[in-house]
């Protein structure tokens, strides 16, 4: 399933707007969906520490 995830990241006092495009592979196991693999690319690059914050925010929201 392809998708995109817009976010804001802060690094060194600067706020950057980024967008991650991703592909996720899901399977149904024991009648429940299970994420098997996910790959994503940032449309706009930001500092590594900011990228980590974005990933943490994404996991927290779903």
Protein backbone atom coordinates (compact mmCIF):
# COMPACT_ATOMS: atom_id res chain seq x y z
CA UNK A 1 0.00 0.00 0.00
CA UNK A 2 1.63 3.29 -1.06
CA UNK A 3 1.14 6.52 0.85
CA UNK A 4 2.65 9.77 2.02
CA UNK A 5 3.13 11.38 5.38
CA UNK A 6 3.53 15.16 5.77
CA UNK A 7 5.24 16.40 8.93
CA UNK A 8 7.22 19.20 10.53
CA UNK A 9 10.59 18.57 12.12
CA UNK A 10 12.71 20.79 14.35
CA UNK A 11 16.48 20.74 14.24
CA UNK A 12 18.88 23.36 15.53
CA UNK A 13 16.05 25.79 16.18
CA UNK A 14 14.77 25.56 12.59
CA UNK A 15 11.44 24.04 11.64
CA UNK A 16 11.36 22.13 8.36
CA UNK A 17 8.33 20.83 6.49
CA UNK A 18 8.95 17.43 5.00
CA UNK A 19 7.00 14.73 3.25
CA UNK A 20 7.73 11.03 3.40
CA UNK A 21 6.50 8.76 0.65
CA UNK A 22 6.27 5.13 1.65
CA UNK A 23 5.23 1.67 0.60
CA UNK A 24 3.92 -0.76 3.20
CA UNK A 25 3.31 -4.49 2.77
CA UNK A 26 0.57 -5.99 4.94
CA UNK A 27 -0.60 -9.61 5.32
CA UNK A 28 -3.57 -11.04 7.14
CA UNK A 29 -2.39 -13.43 9.84
CA UNK A 30 -4.80 -15.04 12.31
CA UNK A 31 -7.59 -12.84 10.91
CA UNK A 32 -5.62 -9.67 11.79
CA UNK A 33 -3.54 -7.40 9.56
CA UNK A 34 0.19 -7.46 10.23
CA UNK A 35 2.80 -5.10 8.81
CA UNK A 36 5.51 -7.17 7.12
CA UNK A 37 7.73 -4.50 5.55
CA UNK A 38 7.83 -0.74 5.05
CA UNK A 39 10.15 1.44 3.00
CA UNK A 40 10.07 5.22 2.88
CA UNK A 41 11.90 8.14 1.33
CA UNK A 42 11.91 11.76 2.42
CA UNK A 43 10.87 14.18 -0.29
CA UNK A 44 12.86 16.94 1.42
CA UNK A 45 15.97 15.99 3.40
CA UNK A 46 16.46 17.29 6.95
CA UNK A 47 19.08 16.68 9.61
CA UNK A 48 19.31 13.12 10.94
CA UNK A 49 18.10 14.09 14.43
CA UNK A 50 15.02 15.72 12.89
CA UNK A 51 14.35 12.61 10.78
CA UNK A 52 14.34 10.51 13.93
CA UNK A 53 11.81 12.90 15.53
CA UNK A 54 9.55 12.57 12.49
CA UNK A 55 9.68 8.79 12.66
CA UNK A 56 8.84 8.90 16.36
CA UNK A 57 5.90 11.23 15.67
CA UNK A 58 4.68 8.94 12.91
CA UNK A 59 4.76 5.88 15.17
CA UNK A 60 2.89 7.78 17.89
CA UNK A 61 0.08 8.77 15.52
CA UNK A 62 -0.51 5.43 13.94
